[in-house]
Amino acid sequence: MSRATQSELRLAGRMARLGTETAFEVLVRARALEAKGRDIIHLEIGEPDFDTPRNVIEAGVDALHKGWTHYGPSAGLPALREAIAEDAGRRRGVKIDASEVVVVPGGKPIIFFTMLAFIEEGDEVIYPDPGFPIYESMVHFLGARAVPIKLRESMDFALDVKELASLITDRTKLIIINSPHNPTGGVLQERDIRQIAAAIGERDIMVLSDEIYSRLVFEGRHFSIMAVEGFRDRTIMLDGFSKTYAMTGWRMGYGIMRPDLATHMARLMTNSNSCTASFTQVAGVEAVRGDQSSVDKMCQEFIRRRDLVVAALNKIPGFSCRMPHGAFYVFPNITKTGWTSKKLADALLEEASVACLAGTAFGSFGEGYLRFSVANSLENLQKALKRVAEWAKKNVA
């Protein structure tokens, strides 16, 4: 009998266009070094270092005991959709109905589904660079043209509205905005959002507004383009539970959009995930409607850490860092070190035992920067900063 030979793996060509999220790759490398006995300080991964609030955990456990372990509606449990509509609407000053809410396992499916629903080959998508890498990855995956808009440090990493207007063409199908912003910590003010809306005007262009860090604004208040007249029906708003309630492992996000689009999004859920886990959604109701003090405490702690990290980075040779106004990242400029972003990030991991991300992990315009997450204890942040400073004294002219 002849032996079966392994067949050639013939993937679809689009798989070669699919990118990744470097944070998880760096995490794997850091864990490998830890396995060899190295003491690595993790400033690479984008998740709160706090525990999920106890009342939320208890609600999830109670839901399991009460049998919330079966399929639910693809768009989400009615109770959670209603709770989200009420909470998100109140915070943004707009009226939202439960029929406009689609609950998904994490925030990324809203990005994925939005692209699948609207983008065809040859379409153009404008997105921030540096920015969350999945934006660009999905555009390429679908055979569309990725059109980056550069976020400049000189503008506090806000969009240049004139440049945005110049990038819009007849083929522009989608514009992505993100505030508070990953990786820079920049926050778009109400005037910025209104100027962006004015630049788009009456064009038939959808806006994906990634507001996953909306509860982590350190100064001022969050403002959504959903609140701008004429943009309610043209906006898909992304938010979720991971960052706000330290529920990254619970995998629960949501999108808010016009009801007819929500129906199509739910159909994409049916065809991909069936539904989001029922017991996590029950816990989500408690998260939204229960005690919010944990969110406020976490935000205040991130401010304290941000202030410490920015002050320390500005004392390190070759580093300079603007003050971020939201999320839990700092994005120092390292051009004066003479090192490229990737080489410097690699050196800090290998030689200083500090895991961080190169700015280029977030797009080509991220060259000259690093991203440090402040989602670690003050003790570890101080230790990491001391290591970076000591490394810089030896390696930066």
Protein backbone atom coordinates (compact mmCIF):
# COMPACT_ATOMS: atom_id res chain seq x y z
CA MET A 1 0.00 0.00 0.00
CA SER A 2 1.41 3.40 -0.92
CA ARG A 3 1.96 5.96 1.80
CA ALA A 4 -0.12 9.10 1.76
CA THR A 5 1.96 12.20 1.18
CA GLN A 6 1.19 15.55 2.73
CA SER A 7 -0.59 17.73 0.23
CA GLU A 8 0.60 21.22 -0.57
CA LEU A 9 -1.09 23.91 1.49
CA ARG A 10 -2.76 26.09 -1.12
CA LEU A 11 -4.20 29.08 0.70
CA ALA A 12 -6.32 31.73 -0.95
CA GLY A 13 -4.21 34.63 -2.16
CA ARG A 14 -5.90 37.06 0.25
CA MET A 15 -4.29 35.25 3.20
CA ALA A 16 -0.95 36.73 2.17
CA ARG A 17 -2.46 40.19 2.63
CA LEU A 18 -3.63 39.57 6.20
CA GLY A 19 -1.57 41.33 8.85
CA THR A 20 -1.25 40.73 12.56
CA GLU A 21 -1.15 42.50 15.91
CA THR A 22 2.48 42.80 16.97
CA ALA A 23 1.64 43.11 20.67
CA PHE A 24 0.85 39.40 20.82
CA GLU A 25 4.05 38.49 18.95
CA VAL A 26 6.15 40.51 21.39
CA LEU A 27 4.27 38.93 24.29
CA VAL A 28 5.24 35.47 23.02
CA ARG A 29 8.90 36.51 22.77
CA ALA A 30 8.79 38.02 26.23
CA ARG A 31 7.23 34.85 27.68
CA ALA A 32 9.98 32.79 26.05
CA LEU A 33 12.61 34.91 27.79
CA GLU A 34 10.75 34.54 31.07
CA ALA A 35 10.81 30.78 30.62
CA LYS A 36 14.61 31.07 30.60
CA GLY A 37 14.57 32.87 33.93
CA ARG A 38 14.54 36.50 32.76
CA ASP A 39 12.55 39.10 34.71
CA ILE A 40 10.59 40.84 31.96
CA ILE A 41 8.45 43.88 32.62
CA HIS A 42 5.45 43.83 30.31
CA LEU A 43 4.56 47.20 28.80
CA GLU A 44 3.59 45.79 25.41
CA ILE A 45 0.11 44.36 25.77
CA GLY A 46 -2.96 46.59 25.65
CA GLU A 47 -5.12 45.41 28.51
CA PRO A 48 -5.86 46.79 31.98
CA ASP A 49 -3.87 45.12 34.75
CA PHE A 50 -6.88 45.35 37.07
CA ASP A 51 -9.24 42.50 37.89
CA THR A 52 -12.78 42.48 36.54
CA PRO A 53 -14.98 44.18 39.19
CA ARG A 54 -16.26 41.72 41.77
CA ASN A 55 -19.93 42.51 41.16
CA VAL A 56 -19.46 41.66 37.47
CA ILE A 57 -17.68 38.39 38.25
CA GLU A 58 -20.42 37.41 40.69
CA ALA A 59 -23.08 38.19 38.09
CA GLY A 60 -21.28 35.96 35.58
CA VAL A 61 -20.93 33.09 38.05
CA ASP A 62 -24.58 33.43 39.06
CA ALA A 63 -25.57 33.38 35.38
CA LEU A 64 -23.68 30.11 34.90
CA HIS A 65 -25.46 28.54 37.87
CA LYS A 66 -28.81 29.74 36.54
CA GLY A 67 -28.30 28.08 33.17
CA TRP A 68 -27.20 30.95 30.94
CA THR A 69 -25.02 28.47 29.05
CA HIS A 70 -26.98 28.12 25.83
CA TYR A 71 -27.34 29.92 22.53
CA GLY A 72 -28.77 33.41 22.51
CA PRO A 73 -29.88 35.80 19.74
CA SER A 74 -27.14 36.62 17.24
CA ALA A 75 -27.49 40.36 17.90
CA GLY A 76 -27.24 39.87 21.66
CA LEU A 77 -29.56 39.35 24.62
CA PRO A 78 -32.38 41.93 24.68
CA ALA A 79 -31.57 42.96 28.26
CA LEU A 80 -27.97 43.77 27.39
CA ARG A 81 -28.85 45.56 24.16
CA GLU A 82 -31.29 47.74 26.11
CA ALA A 83 -28.74 48.45 28.84
CA ILE A 84 -26.09 49.39 26.26
CA ALA A 85 -28.50 51.61 24.32
CA GLU A 86 -29.44 53.50 27.46
CA ASP A 87 -25.87 53.87 28.77
CA ALA A 88 -24.16 54.69 25.45
CA GLY A 89 -26.88 57.12 24.48
CA ARG A 90 -26.74 58.97 27.78
CA ARG A 91 -22.95 59.32 27.63
CA ARG A 92 -23.00 60.62 24.06
CA GLY A 93 -26.09 62.78 24.26
CA VAL A 94 -27.98 60.86 21.57
CA LYS A 95 -31.07 58.66 21.67
CA ILE A 96 -30.21 55.04 20.92
CA ASP A 97 -32.66 52.18 20.57
CA ALA A 98 -31.85 48.58 21.43
CA SER A 99 -32.51 47.66 17.78
CA GLU A 100 -29.37 49.63 16.87
CA VAL A 101 -27.08 47.56 19.11
CA VAL A 102 -25.22 44.42 18.03
CA VAL A 103 -23.26 42.54 20.71
CA VAL A 104 -20.18 40.64 19.49
CA PRO A 105 -17.33 38.62 21.07
CA GLY A 106 -14.79 41.45 21.43
CA GLY A 107 -14.34 44.72 19.59
CA LYS A 108 -12.58 43.40 16.50
CA PRO A 109 -15.66 41.72 14.96
CA ILE A 110 -17.24 45.15 14.50
CA ILE A 111 -14.18 46.21 12.48
CA PHE A 112 -14.27 42.92 10.57
CA PHE A 113 -18.01 42.98 9.91
CA THR A 114 -18.05 46.65 8.90
CA MET A 115 -15.37 45.99 6.30
CA LEU A 116 -17.11 42.84 5.04
CA ALA A 117 -20.43 44.65 4.78
CA PHE A 118 -19.20 47.72 2.89
CA ILE A 119 -15.80 47.23 1.27
CA GLU A 120 -15.24 45.75 -2.17
CA GLU A 121 -12.09 45.43 -4.25
CA GLY A 122 -10.91 48.82 -5.45
CA ASP A 123 -12.72 50.79 -2.74
CA GLU A 124 -10.70 53.16 -0.57
CA VAL A 125 -10.62 53.31 3.22
CA ILE A 126 -9.05 56.21 5.10
CA TYR A 127 -7.64 55.29 8.50
CA PRO A 128 -5.26 56.84 11.08
CA ASP A 129 -1.53 56.05 10.94
CA PRO A 130 -0.13 55.30 13.43
CA GLY A 131 -3.23 53.37 14.35
CA PHE A 132 -4.66 50.05 15.44
CA PRO A 133 -3.06 47.59 12.97
CA ILE A 134 -6.22 45.62 12.27
CA TYR A 135 -7.69 48.56 10.34
CA GLU A 136 -5.04 48.36 7.62
CA SER A 137 -4.88 44.57 7.75
CA MET A 138 -8.57 44.16 6.98
CA VAL A 139 -8.50 46.70 4.15
CA HIS A 140 -5.69 44.80 2.44
CA PHE A 141 -7.38 41.46 3.12
CA LEU A 142 -10.46 42.57 1.19
CA GLY A 143 -8.44 43.84 -1.76
CA ALA A 144 -9.28 47.49 -1.15
CA ARG A 145 -6.89 50.44 -1.11
CA ALA A 146 -5.65 51.49 2.31
CA VAL A 147 -5.29 55.27 2.54
CA PRO A 148 -3.43 56.30 5.71
CA ILE A 149 -3.79 59.76 7.19
CA LYS A 150 -0.73 60.72 9.19
CA LEU A 151 -1.20 61.67 12.82
CA ARG A 152 1.42 64.27 13.72
CA GLU A 153 2.93 64.86 17.12
CA SER A 154 2.94 68.60 16.40
CA MET A 155 -0.87 68.45 16.28
CA ASP A 156 -1.08 66.38 19.47
CA PHE A 157 -1.83 63.41 17.21
CA ALA A 158 -5.16 64.82 16.00
CA LEU A 159 -6.24 64.51 12.36
CA ASP A 160 -5.26 67.27 9.94
CA VAL A 161 -8.73 68.02 8.58
CA LYS A 162 -7.40 69.69 5.42
CA GLU A 163 -5.34 66.61 4.67
CA LEU A 164 -8.37 64.41 5.32
CA ALA A 165 -10.39 66.43 2.83
CA SER A 166 -7.63 66.05 0.23
CA LEU A 167 -7.63 62.25 0.64
CA ILE A 168 -11.34 61.79 0.03
CA THR A 169 -12.14 60.62 -3.49
CA ASP A 170 -15.11 59.16 -5.34
CA ARG A 171 -13.85 55.73 -4.30
CA THR A 172 -13.75 56.49 -0.57
CA LYS A 173 -16.19 54.09 1.07
CA LEU A 174 -15.22 54.26 4.72
CA ILE A 175 -13.36 56.61 7.08
CA ILE A 176 -12.07 55.28 10.41
CA ILE A 177 -11.55 57.52 13.41
CA ASN A 178 -10.35 56.45 16.85
CA SER A 179 -10.59 58.54 20.02
CA PRO A 180 -9.12 58.15 22.58
CA HIS A 181 -6.44 56.85 20.29
CA ASN A 182 -4.29 53.74 20.26
CA PRO A 183 -1.25 54.01 20.26
CA THR A 184 -0.74 57.73 20.92
CA GLY A 185 -3.26 58.45 23.66
CA GLY A 186 -4.50 61.40 21.61
CA VAL A 187 -8.07 62.59 22.08
CA LEU A 188 -10.19 64.29 19.42
CA GLN A 189 -12.01 67.27 20.91
CA GLU A 190 -15.56 68.18 19.93
CA ARG A 191 -14.24 70.88 17.56
CA ASP A 192 -12.02 68.27 15.87
CA ILE A 193 -14.93 65.87 15.39
CA ARG A 194 -17.16 68.59 13.99
CA GLN A 195 -14.42 69.66 11.56
CA ILE A 196 -14.02 66.06 10.41
CA ALA A 197 -17.76 65.84 9.87
CA ALA A 198 -17.70 69.08 7.88
CA ALA A 199 -14.86 67.74 5.70
CA ILE A 200 -16.92 64.64 4.89
CA GLY A 201 -19.99 66.77 4.26
CA GLU A 202 -22.96 65.16 2.53
CA ARG A 203 -20.91 62.48 0.76
CA ASP A 204 -22.22 58.94 0.92
CA ILE A 205 -19.35 57.73 3.10
CA MET A 206 -19.67 55.60 6.22
CA VAL A 207 -17.67 56.36 9.37
CA LEU A 208 -16.35 53.68 11.70
CA SER A 209 -15.85 55.45 15.02
CA ASP A 210 -13.70 53.31 17.31
CA GLU A 211 -14.56 54.50 20.81
CA ILE A 212 -13.32 51.50 22.78
CA TYR A 213 -11.43 53.81 25.19
CA SER A 214 -14.32 56.29 25.60
CA ARG A 215 -14.45 55.93 29.39
CA LEU A 216 -10.70 56.52 29.72
CA VAL A 217 -10.55 60.25 28.94
CA PHE A 218 -8.26 62.07 31.36
CA GLU A 219 -9.12 65.69 30.63
CA GLY A 220 -12.34 67.08 29.21
CA ARG A 221 -15.10 64.82 27.93
CA HIS A 222 -15.58 62.26 25.21
CA PHE A 223 -17.46 63.42 22.11
CA SER A 224 -18.80 61.10 19.43
CA ILE A 225 -19.42 61.89 15.77
CA MET A 226 -22.77 60.16 16.32
CA ALA A 227 -23.85 63.37 18.04
CA VAL A 228 -23.21 65.48 14.92
CA GLU A 229 -26.33 66.24 12.91
CA GLY A 230 -26.50 64.16 9.74
CA PHE A 231 -24.04 61.48 10.93
CA ARG A 232 -26.31 59.31 13.01
CA ASP A 233 -27.15 57.06 10.04
CA ARG A 234 -23.64 57.12 8.60
CA THR A 235 -21.78 56.04 11.74
CA ILE A 236 -20.90 52.61 13.07
CA MET A 237 -19.77 53.19 16.64
CA LEU A 238 -17.54 50.56 18.24
CA ASP A 239 -17.24 50.18 22.00
CA GLY A 240 -17.00 47.33 24.47
CA PHE A 241 -16.25 45.99 27.92
CA SER A 242 -12.58 44.97 27.65
CA LYS A 243 -10.91 48.30 28.45
CA THR A 244 -13.60 49.93 30.58
CA TYR A 245 -14.30 47.03 32.92
CA ALA A 246 -11.03 45.05 32.61
CA MET A 247 -12.92 42.26 30.83
CA THR A 248 -10.50 41.44 28.00
CA GLY A 249 -10.84 37.69 28.48
CA TRP A 250 -14.63 37.83 28.61
CA ARG A 251 -14.66 38.78 24.88
CA MET A 252 -17.52 41.19 24.63
CA GLY A 253 -17.87 44.29 22.50
CA TYR A 254 -20.65 45.97 20.59
CA GLY A 255 -21.48 48.15 17.66
CA ILE A 256 -24.17 50.82 17.44
CA MET A 257 -25.57 51.60 14.00
CA ARG A 258 -28.81 52.22 12.09
CA PRO A 259 -31.33 49.37 12.58
CA ASP A 260 -31.28 48.11 8.98
CA LEU A 261 -27.48 47.77 9.13
CA ALA A 262 -27.72 46.11 12.54
CA THR A 263 -29.82 43.38 10.92
CA HIS A 264 -27.04 42.67 8.42
CA MET A 265 -24.40 42.73 11.16
CA ALA A 266 -26.43 40.19 13.12
CA ARG A 267 -26.52 38.00 10.00
CA LEU A 268 -22.71 38.13 9.85
CA MET A 269 -22.70 37.04 13.49
CA THR A 270 -25.01 34.14 12.65
CA ASN A 271 -22.64 33.02 9.90
CA SER A 272 -19.46 33.35 11.97
CA ASN A 273 -19.91 33.08 15.73
CA SER A 274 -23.63 32.28 16.09
CA CYS A 275 -23.79 34.47 19.18
CA THR A 276 -21.80 35.94 22.05
CA ALA A 277 -21.66 33.76 25.18
CA SER A 278 -24.88 34.22 27.15
CA PHE A 279 -23.40 34.24 30.66
CA THR A 280 -20.92 36.97 29.74
CA GLN A 281 -23.79 39.08 28.47
CA VAL A 282 -25.65 38.71 31.75
CA ALA A 283 -22.47 39.89 33.48
CA GLY A 284 -22.38 42.73 30.96
CA VAL A 285 -25.76 43.99 32.14
CA GLU A 286 -24.36 44.23 35.66
CA ALA A 287 -21.24 45.97 34.37
CA VAL A 288 -23.27 48.67 32.62
CA ARG A 289 -26.00 49.12 35.23
CA GLY A 290 -24.07 48.35 38.40
CA ASP A 291 -21.53 50.25 40.49
CA GLN A 292 -19.20 52.33 38.28
CA SER A 293 -16.66 53.25 40.97
CA SER A 294 -14.13 50.71 39.67
CA VAL A 295 -14.02 52.51 36.30
CA ASP A 296 -13.39 55.86 37.97
CA LYS A 297 -10.68 54.41 40.23
CA MET A 298 -8.96 52.75 37.27
CA CYS A 299 -9.03 55.96 35.27
CA GLN A 300 -7.52 57.94 38.15
CA GLU A 301 -4.79 55.34 38.56
CA PHE A 302 -3.95 55.50 34.87
CA ILE A 303 -3.61 59.29 35.18
CA ARG A 304 -1.22 58.87 38.10
CA ARG A 305 0.88 56.37 36.16
CA ARG A 306 0.79 58.46 32.99
CA ASP A 307 2.14 61.49 34.84
CA LEU A 308 4.98 59.49 36.35
CA VAL A 309 5.95 57.76 33.09
CA VAL A 310 5.87 60.90 30.94
CA ALA A 311 7.99 62.84 33.45
CA ALA A 312 10.55 60.03 33.64
CA LEU A 313 10.74 59.47 29.88
CA ASN A 314 11.46 63.16 29.29
CA LYS A 315 14.58 62.80 31.43
CA ILE A 316 16.01 59.89 29.41
CA PRO A 317 18.62 60.81 26.76
CA GLY A 318 17.09 60.78 23.27
CA PHE A 319 13.50 60.43 24.50
CA SER A 320 10.75 63.04 24.49
CA CYS A 321 7.11 62.39 25.28
CA ARG A 322 3.93 64.44 24.95
CA MET A 323 1.22 64.08 27.56
CA PRO A 324 -1.50 61.67 26.34
CA HIS A 325 -5.08 62.60 27.21
CA GLY A 326 -6.75 59.20 27.13
CA ALA A 327 -6.42 55.39 26.90
CA PHE A 328 -3.46 53.90 28.81
CA TYR A 329 -0.49 54.36 26.52
CA VAL A 330 2.39 56.78 26.14
CA PHE A 331 4.03 57.29 22.76
CA PRO A 332 7.52 58.74 23.20
CA ASN A 333 9.52 60.19 20.32
CA ILE A 334 12.88 58.41 20.10
CA THR A 335 14.32 59.96 16.92
CA LYS A 336 17.13 61.66 18.86
CA THR A 337 18.42 58.30 20.08
CA GLY A 338 19.64 57.55 16.55
CA TRP A 339 17.87 54.18 16.67
CA THR A 340 14.98 53.00 14.52
CA SER A 341 11.82 52.05 16.36
CA LYS A 342 12.00 48.30 15.75
CA LYS A 343 15.68 47.99 16.65
CA LEU A 344 15.20 50.02 19.80
CA ALA A 345 12.16 48.02 20.91
CA ASP A 346 14.06 44.77 20.28
CA ALA A 347 17.09 46.04 22.21
CA LEU A 348 14.99 47.07 25.20
CA LEU A 349 13.47 43.60 25.33
CA GLU A 350 16.69 41.66 24.83
CA GLU A 351 19.07 43.89 26.79
CA ALA A 352 16.93 45.77 29.31
CA SER A 353 14.18 43.17 29.86
CA VAL A 354 11.44 45.72 29.08
CA ALA A 355 8.78 44.67 26.57
CA CYS A 356 7.31 47.50 24.51
CA LEU A 357 6.20 48.03 20.91
CA ALA A 358 7.84 49.82 18.02
CA GLY A 359 5.81 52.66 16.60
CA THR A 360 5.97 50.90 13.23
CA ALA A 361 3.78 48.14 14.68
CA PHE A 362 1.01 50.70 14.13
CA GLY A 363 1.93 51.81 10.62
CA SER A 364 4.83 53.34 8.71
CA PHE A 365 4.18 56.79 10.20
CA GLY A 366 4.93 55.32 13.61
CA GLU A 367 8.64 55.28 12.81
CA GLY A 368 10.55 57.28 15.40
CA TYR A 369 8.26 56.29 18.29
CA LEU A 370 7.69 53.54 20.84
CA ARG A 371 4.50 52.57 22.61
CA PHE A 372 4.57 51.82 26.31
CA SER A 373 1.43 50.64 28.09
CA VAL A 374 0.99 52.06 31.58
CA ALA A 375 -1.26 49.13 32.47
CA ASN A 376 1.20 47.83 35.03
CA SER A 377 1.90 48.63 38.67
CA LEU A 378 3.69 51.82 39.66
CA GLU A 379 6.46 49.67 41.10
CA ASN A 380 6.99 47.85 37.81
CA LEU A 381 6.72 51.04 35.78
CA GLN A 382 9.42 52.67 37.92
CA LYS A 383 11.61 49.60 37.55
CA ALA A 384 11.09 49.59 33.78
CA LEU A 385 11.90 53.28 33.45
CA LYS A 386 15.08 52.81 35.47
CA ARG A 387 16.13 49.99 33.14
CA VAL A 388 15.39 52.07 30.03
CA ALA A 389 17.35 55.01 31.46
CA GLU A 390 20.33 52.82 32.29
CA TRP A 391 20.26 51.27 28.82
CA ALA A 392 20.06 54.70 27.19
CA LYS A 393 23.08 55.99 29.12
CA LYS A 394 25.14 53.17 27.64
CA ASN A 395 23.75 53.13 24.12
CA VAL A 396 22.57 56.64 23.22
CA ALA A 397 25.25 59.16 22.30
